[in-house]
Every structure is written in structure tokens, then in C-alpha cells.
């Protein structure tokens, strides 16, 4: 099972990437150590810190059917100063 599911690309994530912090969606069972090792192996950078947060799924309704979106876990990964992950580079 891969630890890094998808990179989260949004206005806020791009702003954080300019300061050296990158946002990834990870499985809800992942921990900080696993995420740090996965980022270091995948992108050849040195990770200085990892912060995790859980986004609760929204309640949705379609006519009489009620449902709920799945919960997400995000990892905010800060890399060593001067290093970048090119996946988050924005063409200017």
C-alpha cells in the first residue's frame, strides 16, 4: 500500500509550497514517520517536520437518501530549506 495517495493542489497548498511546506492526502492509518520516509524516498528531499490533520467527511443528501463522504487525512510536510518538490512548481 502506498503511503502518499495524492498531492493536494489548491490555492492554499500552492502558497504553502512556496514556503517549503507540501500537502499530501494519506491513508487514515498512516503516521508521521511513515509519511516522512515515503516523501524522502519518493522525492529525494530531507523532511524536517510532518503535521497531520483529519478532515471529516461532509453529510450529503440526494432526495431521500442520506449519505456521508469519506474522511480524509492530510499530511503537511516541511522540507529542508533550499530544497523543493518539483511536483508543486507553478509555471509563471
PDB file of N, CA and C in Angstrom:
ATOM      1  N   UNK A   1       0.838  -1.183   0.000  1.00  0.00           N
ATOM      2  CA  UNK A   1       0.000   0.000   0.000  1.00  0.00           C
ATOM      3  C   UNK A   1       0.882   1.244   0.000  1.00  0.00           C
ATOM      4  N   UNK A   2       0.591   2.161  -0.882  1.00  0.00           N
ATOM      5  CA  UNK A   2       1.356   3.398  -0.986  1.00  0.00           C
ATOM      6  C   UNK A   2       0.913   4.377   0.105  1.00  0.00           C
ATOM      7  N   UNK A   3       1.870   5.038   0.719  1.00  0.00           N
ATOM      8  CA  UNK A   3       1.559   5.986   1.787  1.00  0.00           C
ATOM      9  C   UNK A   3       1.050   7.308   1.219  1.00  0.00           C
ATOM     10  N   UNK A   4       1.646   7.796   0.137  1.00  0.00           N
ATOM     11  CA  UNK A   4       1.228   9.066  -0.461  1.00  0.00           C
ATOM     12  C   UNK A   4       0.173   8.785  -1.515  1.00  0.00           C
ATOM     13  N   UNK A   5      -1.091   9.104  -1.221  1.00  0.00           N
ATOM     14  CA  UNK A   5      -2.158   8.837  -2.177  1.00  0.00           C
ATOM     15  C   UNK A   5      -2.165   9.877  -3.292  1.00  0.00           C
ATOM     16  N   UNK A   6      -2.342  11.142  -2.943  1.00  0.00           N
ATOM     17  CA  UNK A   6      -2.365  12.207  -3.947  1.00  0.00           C
ATOM     18  C   UNK A   6      -1.801  13.498  -3.345  1.00  0.00           C
ATOM     19  N   UNK A   7      -1.178  14.318  -4.159  1.00  0.00           N
ATOM     20  CA  UNK A   7      -0.830  15.660  -3.689  1.00  0.00           C
ATOM     21  C   UNK A   7      -2.088  16.523  -3.729  1.00  0.00           C
ATOM     22  N   UNK A   8      -2.235  17.404  -2.781  1.00  0.00           N
ATOM     23  CA  UNK A   8      -3.378  18.308  -2.754  1.00  0.00           C
ATOM     24  C   UNK A   8      -2.946  19.632  -3.391  1.00  0.00           C
ATOM     25  N   UNK A   9      -3.528  19.930  -4.550  1.00  0.00           N
ATOM     26  CA  UNK A   9      -3.196  21.150  -5.269  1.00  0.00           C
ATOM     27  C   UNK A   9      -4.372  22.118  -5.123  1.00  0.00           C
ATOM     28  N   UNK A  10      -4.162  23.188  -4.385  1.00  0.00           N
ATOM     29  CA  UNK A  10      -5.171  24.228  -4.207  1.00  0.00           C
ATOM     30  C   UNK A  10      -4.432  25.548  -4.030  1.00  0.00           C
ATOM     31  N   UNK A  11      -5.160  26.634  -3.947  1.00  0.00           N
ATOM     32  CA  UNK A  11      -4.511  27.935  -3.764  1.00  0.00           C
ATOM     33  C   UNK A  11      -3.727  27.966  -2.457  1.00  0.00           C
ATOM     34  N   UNK A  12      -4.322  27.420  -1.415  1.00  0.00           N
ATOM     35  CA  UNK A  12      -3.661  27.411  -0.123  1.00  0.00           C
ATOM     36  C   UNK A  12      -2.420  26.515  -0.151  1.00  0.00           C
ATOM     37  N   UNK A  13      -2.523  25.357  -0.802  1.00  0.00           N
ATOM     38  CA  UNK A  13      -1.394  24.427  -0.883  1.00  0.00           C
ATOM     39  C   UNK A  13      -0.253  25.020  -1.702  1.00  0.00           C
ATOM     40  N   UNK A  14      -0.563  25.743  -2.767  1.00  0.00           N
ATOM     41  CA  UNK A  14       0.471  26.389  -3.579  1.00  0.00           C
ATOM     42  C   UNK A  14       1.179  27.470  -2.764  1.00  0.00           C
ATOM     43  N   UNK A  15       0.416  28.225  -1.980  1.00  0.00           N
ATOM     44  CA  UNK A  15       1.016  29.237  -1.107  1.00  0.00           C
ATOM     45  C   UNK A  15       1.950  28.622  -0.077  1.00  0.00           C
ATOM     46  N   UNK A  16       1.546  27.483   0.487  1.00  0.00           N
ATOM     47  CA  UNK A  16       2.401  26.785   1.442  1.00  0.00           C
ATOM     48  C   UNK A  16       3.644  26.220   0.759  1.00  0.00           C
ATOM     49  N   UNK A  17       3.484  25.738  -0.480  1.00  0.00           N
ATOM     50  CA  UNK A  17       4.616  25.150  -1.211  1.00  0.00           C
ATOM     51  C   UNK A  17       5.698  26.182  -1.471  1.00  0.00           C
ATOM     52  N   UNK A  18       5.314  27.431  -1.655  1.00  0.00           N
ATOM     53  CA  UNK A  18       6.308  28.488  -1.866  1.00  0.00           C
ATOM     54  C   UNK A  18       7.160  28.704  -0.617  1.00  0.00           C
ATOM     55  N   UNK A  19       6.631  28.310   0.551  1.00  0.00           N
ATOM     56  CA  UNK A  19       7.371  28.439   1.804  1.00  0.00           C
ATOM     57  C   UNK A  19       8.002  27.122   2.257  1.00  0.00           C
ATOM     58  N   UNK A  20       7.912  26.087   1.405  1.00  0.00           N
ATOM     59  CA  UNK A  20       8.596  24.827   1.719  1.00  0.00           C
ATOM     60  C   UNK A  20       7.747  23.781   2.407  1.00  0.00           C
ATOM     61  N   UNK A  21       6.433  23.980   2.478  1.00  0.00           N
ATOM     62  CA  UNK A  21       5.530  23.002   3.086  1.00  0.00           C
ATOM     63  C   UNK A  21       4.603  22.455   2.012  1.00  0.00           C
ATOM     64  N   UNK A  22       4.541  21.136   1.894  1.00  0.00           N
ATOM     65  CA  UNK A  22       3.772  20.485   0.837  1.00  0.00           C
ATOM     66  C   UNK A  22       2.663  19.643   1.453  1.00  0.00           C
ATOM     67  N   UNK A  23       1.509  19.593   0.775  1.00  0.00           N
ATOM     68  CA  UNK A  23       0.326  18.924   1.312  1.00  0.00           C
ATOM     69  C   UNK A  23       0.037  17.667   0.495  1.00  0.00           C
ATOM     70  N   UNK A  24      -0.133  16.540   1.194  1.00  0.00           N
ATOM     71  CA  UNK A  24      -0.454  15.267   0.562  1.00  0.00           C
ATOM     72  C   UNK A  24      -1.653  14.649   1.258  1.00  0.00           C
ATOM     73  N   UNK A  25      -2.459  13.920   0.483  1.00  0.00           N
ATOM     74  CA  UNK A  25      -3.514  13.105   1.078  1.00  0.00           C
ATOM     75  C   UNK A  25      -2.908  11.737   1.368  1.00  0.00           C
ATOM     76  N   UNK A  26      -3.135  11.239   2.577  1.00  0.00           N
ATOM     77  CA  UNK A  26      -2.561   9.958   3.001  1.00  0.00           C
ATOM     78  C   UNK A  26      -3.672   9.084   3.578  1.00  0.00           C
ATOM     79  N   UNK A  27      -3.446   7.767   3.693  1.00  0.00           N
ATOM     80  CA  UNK A  27      -4.452   6.897   4.323  1.00  0.00           C
ATOM     81  C   UNK A  27      -4.664   7.290   5.783  1.00  0.00           C
ATOM     82  N   UNK A  28      -5.855   7.040   6.293  1.00  0.00           N
ATOM     83  CA  UNK A  28      -6.159   7.408   7.677  1.00  0.00           C
ATOM     84  C   UNK A  28      -5.332   6.599   8.671  1.00  0.00           C
ATOM     85  N   UNK A  29      -4.755   5.498   8.238  1.00  0.00           N
ATOM     86  CA  UNK A  29      -3.940   4.677   9.144  1.00  0.00           C
ATOM     87  C   UNK A  29      -2.469   5.093   9.161  1.00  0.00           C
ATOM     88  N   UNK A  30      -2.060   6.033   8.312  1.00  0.00           N
ATOM     89  CA  UNK A  30      -0.649   6.425   8.214  1.00  0.00           C
ATOM     90  C   UNK A  30      -0.237   7.273   9.414  1.00  0.00           C
ATOM     91  N   UNK A  31       1.047   7.179   9.769  1.00  0.00           N
ATOM     92  CA  UNK A  31       1.566   8.026  10.835  1.00  0.00           C
ATOM     93  C   UNK A  31       2.680   8.932  10.284  1.00  0.00           C
ATOM     94  N   UNK A  32       3.178   9.830  11.121  1.00  0.00           N
ATOM     95  CA  UNK A  32       4.145  10.833  10.673  1.00  0.00           C
ATOM     96  C   UNK A  32       5.458  10.217  10.185  1.00  0.00           C
ATOM     97  N   UNK A  33       5.916   9.201  10.853  1.00  0.00           N
ATOM     98  CA  UNK A  33       7.189   8.578  10.487  1.00  0.00           C
ATOM     99  C   UNK A  33       7.089   7.929   9.108  1.00  0.00           C
ATOM    100  N   UNK A  34       5.999   7.217   8.857  1.00  0.00           N
ATOM    101  CA  UNK A  34       5.799   6.579   7.551  1.00  0.00           C
ATOM    102  C   UNK A  34       5.729   7.613   6.437  1.00  0.00           C
ATOM    103  N   UNK A  35       5.027   8.707   6.696  1.00  0.00           N
ATOM    104  CA  UNK A  35       4.890   9.758   5.686  1.00  0.00           C
ATOM    105  C   UNK A  35       6.243  10.398   5.397  1.00  0.00           C
ATOM    106  N   UNK A  36       7.015  10.695   6.428  1.00  0.00           N
ATOM    107  CA  UNK A  36       8.332  11.322   6.240  1.00  0.00           C
ATOM    108  C   UNK A  36       9.239  10.416   5.410  1.00  0.00           C
ATOM    109  N   UNK A  37       9.258   9.130   5.724  1.00  0.00           N
ATOM    110  CA  UNK A  37      10.095   8.196   4.968  1.00  0.00           C
ATOM    111  C   UNK A  37       9.635   8.080   3.517  1.00  0.00           C
ATOM    112  N   UNK A  38       8.318   8.076   3.286  1.00  0.00           N
ATOM    113  CA  UNK A  38       7.788   7.959   1.924  1.00  0.00           C
ATOM    114  C   UNK A  38       8.145   9.178   1.084  1.00  0.00           C
ATOM    115  N   UNK A  39       8.043  10.381   1.659  1.00  0.00           N
ATOM    116  CA  UNK A  39       8.380  11.611   0.931  1.00  0.00           C
ATOM    117  C   UNK A  39       9.875  11.652   0.632  1.00  0.00           C
ATOM    118  N   UNK A  40      10.700  11.284   1.603  1.00  0.00           N
ATOM    119  CA  UNK A  40      12.150  11.285   1.379  1.00  0.00           C
ATOM    120  C   UNK A  40      12.541  10.296   0.286  1.00  0.00           C
ATOM    121  N   UNK A  41      11.896   9.133   0.259  1.00  0.00           N
ATOM    122  CA  UNK A  41      12.216   8.124  -0.752  1.00  0.00           C
ATOM    123  C   UNK A  41      11.701   8.525  -2.133  1.00  0.00           C
ATOM    124  N   UNK A  42      10.513   9.101  -2.195  1.00  0.00           N
ATOM    125  CA  UNK A  42       9.894   9.407  -3.486  1.00  0.00           C
ATOM    126  C   UNK A  42      10.502  10.643  -4.151  1.00  0.00           C
ATOM    127  N   UNK A  43      10.850  11.658  -3.369  1.00  0.00           N
ATOM    128  CA  UNK A  43      11.271  12.937  -3.951  1.00  0.00           C
ATOM    129  C   UNK A  43      12.717  13.306  -3.662  1.00  0.00           C
ATOM    130  N   UNK A  44      13.454  12.471  -2.939  1.00  0.00           N
ATOM    131  CA  UNK A  44      14.879  12.706  -2.647  1.00  0.00           C
ATOM    132  C   UNK A  44      15.118  14.061  -1.974  1.00  0.00           C
ATOM    133  N   UNK A  45      14.332  14.333  -0.925  1.00  0.00           N
ATOM    134  CA  UNK A  45      14.487  15.558  -0.137  1.00  0.00           C
ATOM    135  C   UNK A  45      14.624  15.171   1.339  1.00  0.00           C
ATOM    136  N   UNK A  46      15.061  16.121   2.165  1.00  0.00           N
ATOM    137  CA  UNK A  46      15.154  15.899   3.603  1.00  0.00           C
ATOM    138  C   UNK A  46      13.953  16.536   4.281  1.00  0.00           C
ATOM    139  N   UNK A  47      13.181  15.744   5.000  1.00  0.00           N
ATOM    140  CA  UNK A  47      11.976  16.220   5.680  1.00  0.00           C
ATOM    141  C   UNK A  47      12.363  16.706   7.069  1.00  0.00           C
ATOM    142  N   UNK A  48      11.932  17.947   7.414  1.00  0.00           N
ATOM    143  CA  UNK A  48      12.217  18.486   8.746  1.00  0.00           C
ATOM    144  C   UNK A  48      11.041  18.286   9.698  1.00  0.00           C
ATOM    145  N   UNK A  49       9.796  18.332   9.196  1.00  0.00           N
ATOM    146  CA  UNK A  49       8.645  18.095  10.070  1.00  0.00           C
ATOM    147  C   UNK A  49       7.452  17.628   9.260  1.00  0.00           C
ATOM    148  N   UNK A  50       6.551  16.944   9.956  1.00  0.00           N
ATOM    149  CA  UNK A  50       5.299  16.473   9.353  1.00  0.00           C
ATOM    150  C   UNK A  50       4.172  16.790  10.324  1.00  0.00           C
ATOM    151  N   UNK A  51       3.143  17.477   9.850  1.00  0.00           N
ATOM    152  CA  UNK A  51       1.931  17.734  10.629  1.00  0.00           C
ATOM    153  C   UNK A  51       0.782  17.005   9.946  1.00  0.00           C
ATOM    154  N   UNK A  52      -0.110  16.412  10.743  1.00  0.00           N
ATOM    155  CA  UNK A  52      -1.223  15.641  10.205  1.00  0.00           C
ATOM    156  C   UNK A  52      -2.532  16.278  10.666  1.00  0.00           C
ATOM    157  N   UNK A  53      -3.559  16.161   9.809  1.00  0.00           N
ATOM    158  CA  UNK A  53      -4.893  16.587  10.208  1.00  0.00           C
ATOM    159  C   UNK A  53      -5.929  15.709   9.523  1.00  0.00           C
ATOM    160  N   UNK A  54      -7.049  15.535  10.192  1.00  0.00           N
ATOM    161  CA  UNK A  54      -8.146  14.730   9.655  1.00  0.00           C
ATOM    162  C   UNK A  54      -9.288  15.663   9.291  1.00  0.00           C
ATOM    163  N   UNK A  55      -9.759  15.550   8.052  1.00  0.00           N
ATOM    164  CA  UNK A  55     -10.893  16.334   7.572  1.00  0.00           C
ATOM    165  C   UNK A  55     -12.096  15.407   7.584  1.00  0.00           C
ATOM    166  N   UNK A  56     -13.089  15.721   8.387  1.00  0.00           N
ATOM    167  CA  UNK A  56     -14.282  14.882   8.486  1.00  0.00           C
ATOM    168  C   UNK A  56     -15.112  15.010   7.213  1.00  0.00           C
ATOM    169  N   UNK A  57     -15.677  13.899   6.748  1.00  0.00           N
ATOM    170  CA  UNK A  57     -16.496  13.888   5.539  1.00  0.00           C
ATOM    171  C   UNK A  57     -17.799  14.635   5.731  1.00  0.00           C
ATOM    172  N   UNK A  58     -18.245  15.300   4.677  1.00  0.00           N
ATOM    173  CA  UNK A  58     -19.479  16.080   4.743  1.00  0.00           C
ATOM    174  C   UNK A  58     -20.697  15.169   4.648  1.00  0.00           C
ATOM    175  N   UNK A  59     -21.785  15.604   5.264  1.00  0.00           N
ATOM    176  CA  UNK A  59     -23.049  14.901   5.116  1.00  0.00           C
ATOM    177  C   UNK A  59     -23.693  15.363   3.816  1.00  0.00           C
ATOM    178  N   UNK A  60     -24.116  14.428   2.999  1.00  0.00           N
ATOM    179  CA  UNK A  60     -24.721  14.748   1.705  1.00  0.00           C
ATOM    180  C   UNK A  60     -26.093  14.094   1.630  1.00  0.00           C
ATOM    181  N   UNK A  61     -26.969  14.662   0.798  1.00  0.00           N
ATOM    182  CA  UNK A  61     -28.296  14.099   0.625  1.00  0.00           C
ATOM    183  C   UNK A  61     -28.697  14.185  -0.831  1.00  0.00           C
ATOM    184  N   UNK A  62     -29.234  13.102  -1.342  1.00  0.00           N
ATOM    185  CA  UNK A  62     -29.801  13.084  -2.689  1.00  0.00           C
ATOM    186  C   UNK A  62     -31.229  12.599  -2.553  1.00  0.00           C
ATOM    187  N   UNK A  63     -32.158  13.502  -2.703  1.00  0.00           N
ATOM    188  CA  UNK A  63     -33.579  13.239  -2.460  1.00  0.00           C
ATOM    189  C   UNK A  63     -33.769  12.684  -1.049  1.00  0.00           C
ATOM    190  N   UNK A  64     -34.271  11.469  -0.908  1.00  0.00           N
ATOM    191  CA  UNK A  64     -34.488  10.934   0.441  1.00  0.00           C
ATOM    192  C   UNK A  64     -33.284  10.144   0.957  1.00  0.00           C
ATOM    193  N   UNK A  65     -32.276   9.951   0.132  1.00  0.00           N
ATOM    194  CA  UNK A  65     -31.123   9.144   0.518  1.00  0.00           C
ATOM    195  C   UNK A  65     -30.073  10.035   1.181  1.00  0.00           C
ATOM    196  N   UNK A  66     -29.722   9.681   2.404  1.00  0.00           N
ATOM    197  CA  UNK A  66     -28.703  10.435   3.115  1.00  0.00           C
ATOM    198  C   UNK A  66     -27.414   9.635   3.103  1.00  0.00           C
ATOM    199  N   UNK A  67     -26.317  10.333   2.947  1.00  0.00           N
ATOM    200  CA  UNK A  67     -25.021   9.676   2.918  1.00  0.00           C
ATOM    201  C   UNK A  67     -23.957  10.574   3.501  1.00  0.00           C
ATOM    202  N   UNK A  68     -22.745  10.072   3.457  1.00  0.00           N
ATOM    203  CA  UNK A  68     -21.636  10.810   4.029  1.00  0.00           C
ATOM    204  C   UNK A  68     -20.400  10.559   3.188  1.00  0.00           C
ATOM    205  N   UNK A  69     -19.646  11.625   2.892  1.00  0.00           N
ATOM    206  CA  UNK A  69     -18.387  11.468   2.183  1.00  0.00           C
ATOM    207  C   UNK A  69     -17.353  10.889   3.146  1.00  0.00           C
ATOM    208  N   UNK A  70     -16.323  10.272   2.580  1.00  0.00           N
ATOM    209  CA  UNK A  70     -15.303   9.651   3.432  1.00  0.00           C
ATOM    210  C   UNK A  70     -14.434  10.702   4.106  1.00  0.00           C
ATOM    211  N   UNK A  71     -13.877  10.328   5.254  1.00  0.00           N
ATOM    212  CA  UNK A  71     -12.925  11.192   5.955  1.00  0.00           C
ATOM    213  C   UNK A  71     -11.594  11.180   5.210  1.00  0.00           C
ATOM    214  N   UNK A  72     -10.884  12.305   5.260  1.00  0.00           N
ATOM    215  CA  UNK A  72      -9.563  12.425   4.632  1.00  0.00           C
ATOM    216  C   UNK A  72      -8.525  12.718   5.700  1.00  0.00           C
ATOM    217  N   UNK A  73      -7.324  12.251   5.467  1.00  0.00           N
ATOM    218  CA  UNK A  73      -6.206  12.615   6.323  1.00  0.00           C
ATOM    219  C   UNK A  73      -5.184  13.319   5.455  1.00  0.00           C
ATOM    220  N   UNK A  74      -4.784  14.513   5.883  1.00  0.00           N
ATOM    221  CA  UNK A  74      -3.798  15.288   5.143  1.00  0.00           C
ATOM    222  C   UNK A  74      -2.496  15.329   5.927  1.00  0.00           C
ATOM    223  N   UNK A  75      -1.411  15.341   5.189  1.00  0.00           N
ATOM    224  CA  UNK A  75      -0.088  15.483   5.795  1.00  0.00           C
ATOM    225  C   UNK A  75       0.552  16.747   5.240  1.00  0.00           C
ATOM    226  N   UNK A  76       0.965  17.637   6.130  1.00  0.00           N
ATOM    227  CA  UNK A  76       1.689  18.839   5.740  1.00  0.00           C
ATOM    228  C   UNK A  76       3.167  18.573   6.016  1.00  0.00           C
ATOM    229  N   UNK A  77       3.937  18.439   4.941  1.00  0.00           N
ATOM    230  CA  UNK A  77       5.337  18.028   5.034  1.00  0.00           C
ATOM    231  C   UNK A  77       6.228  19.233   4.756  1.00  0.00           C
ATOM    232  N   UNK A  78       7.089  19.564   5.709  1.00  0.00           N
ATOM    233  CA  UNK A  78       8.048  20.653   5.548  1.00  0.00           C
ATOM    234  C   UNK A  78       9.404  20.048   5.215  1.00  0.00           C
ATOM    235  N   UNK A  79      10.017  20.548   4.135  1.00  0.00           N
ATOM    236  CA  UNK A  79      11.323  20.041   3.721  1.00  0.00           C
ATOM    237  C   UNK A  79      12.407  21.029   4.120  1.00  0.00           C
ATOM    238  N   UNK A  80      13.651  20.563   4.072  1.00  0.00           N
ATOM    239  CA  UNK A  80      14.803  21.374   4.451  1.00  0.00           C
ATOM    240  C   UNK A  80      14.882  22.620   3.571  1.00  0.00           C
ATOM    241  N   UNK A  81      15.291  23.722   4.158  1.00  0.00           N
ATOM    242  CA  UNK A  81      15.376  24.997   3.433  1.00  0.00           C
ATOM    243  C   UNK A  81      16.282  24.851   2.214  1.00  0.00           C
ATOM    244  N   UNK A  82      15.802  25.365   1.084  1.00  0.00           N
ATOM    245  CA  UNK A  82      16.565  25.296  -0.158  1.00  0.00           C
ATOM    246  C   UNK A  82      16.189  24.111  -1.037  1.00  0.00           C
ATOM    247  N   UNK A  83      15.450  23.151  -0.498  1.00  0.00           N
ATOM    248  CA  UNK A  83      15.020  22.004  -1.285  1.00  0.00           C
ATOM    249  C   UNK A  83      13.563  22.201  -1.720  1.00  0.00           C
ATOM    250  N   UNK A  84      13.220  21.625  -2.882  1.00  0.00           N
ATOM    251  CA  UNK A  84      11.865  21.765  -3.419  1.00  0.00           C
ATOM    252  C   UNK A  84      11.391  20.437  -3.980  1.00  0.00           C
ATOM    253  N   UNK A  85      10.073  20.284  -4.014  1.00  0.00           N
ATOM    254  CA  UNK A  85       9.448  19.166  -4.705  1.00  0.00           C
ATOM    255  C   UNK A  85       8.873  19.738  -5.992  1.00  0.00           C
ATOM    256  N   UNK A  86       9.374  19.289  -7.130  1.00  0.00           N
ATOM    257  CA  UNK A  86       9.014  19.901  -8.414  1.00  0.00           C
ATOM    258  C   UNK A  86       7.571  19.640  -8.812  1.00  0.00           C
ATOM    259  N   UNK A  87       6.921  18.685  -8.188  1.00  0.00           N
ATOM    260  CA  UNK A  87       5.526  18.382  -8.479  1.00  0.00           C
ATOM    261  C   UNK A  87       4.625  19.586  -8.208  1.00  0.00           C
ATOM    262  N   UNK A  88       5.025  20.434  -7.260  1.00  0.00           N
ATOM    263  CA  UNK A  88       4.216  21.577  -6.838  1.00  0.00           C
ATOM    264  C   UNK A  88       4.644  22.884  -7.506  1.00  0.00           C
ATOM    265  N   UNK A  89       5.597  22.851  -8.427  1.00  0.00           N
ATOM    266  CA  UNK A  89       6.056  24.060  -9.092  1.00  0.00           C
ATOM    267  C   UNK A  89       4.947  24.611  -9.983  1.00  0.00           C
ATOM    268  N   UNK A  90       4.784  25.908  -9.962  1.00  0.00           N
ATOM    269  CA  UNK A  90       3.768  26.565 -10.785  1.00  0.00           C
ATOM    270  C   UNK A  90       4.471  27.309 -11.908  1.00  0.00           C
ATOM    271  N   UNK A  91       4.001  27.100 -13.128  1.00  0.00           N
ATOM    272  CA  UNK A  91       4.584  27.809 -14.275  1.00  0.00           C
ATOM    273  C   UNK A  91       4.181  29.272 -14.205  1.00  0.00           C
ATOM    274  N   UNK A  92       5.172  30.147 -14.286  1.00  0.00           N
ATOM    275  CA  UNK A  92       4.871  31.587 -14.204  1.00  0.00           C
ATOM    276  C   UNK A  92       5.117  32.257 -15.521  1.00  0.00           C
TER     277      UNK A  92
END
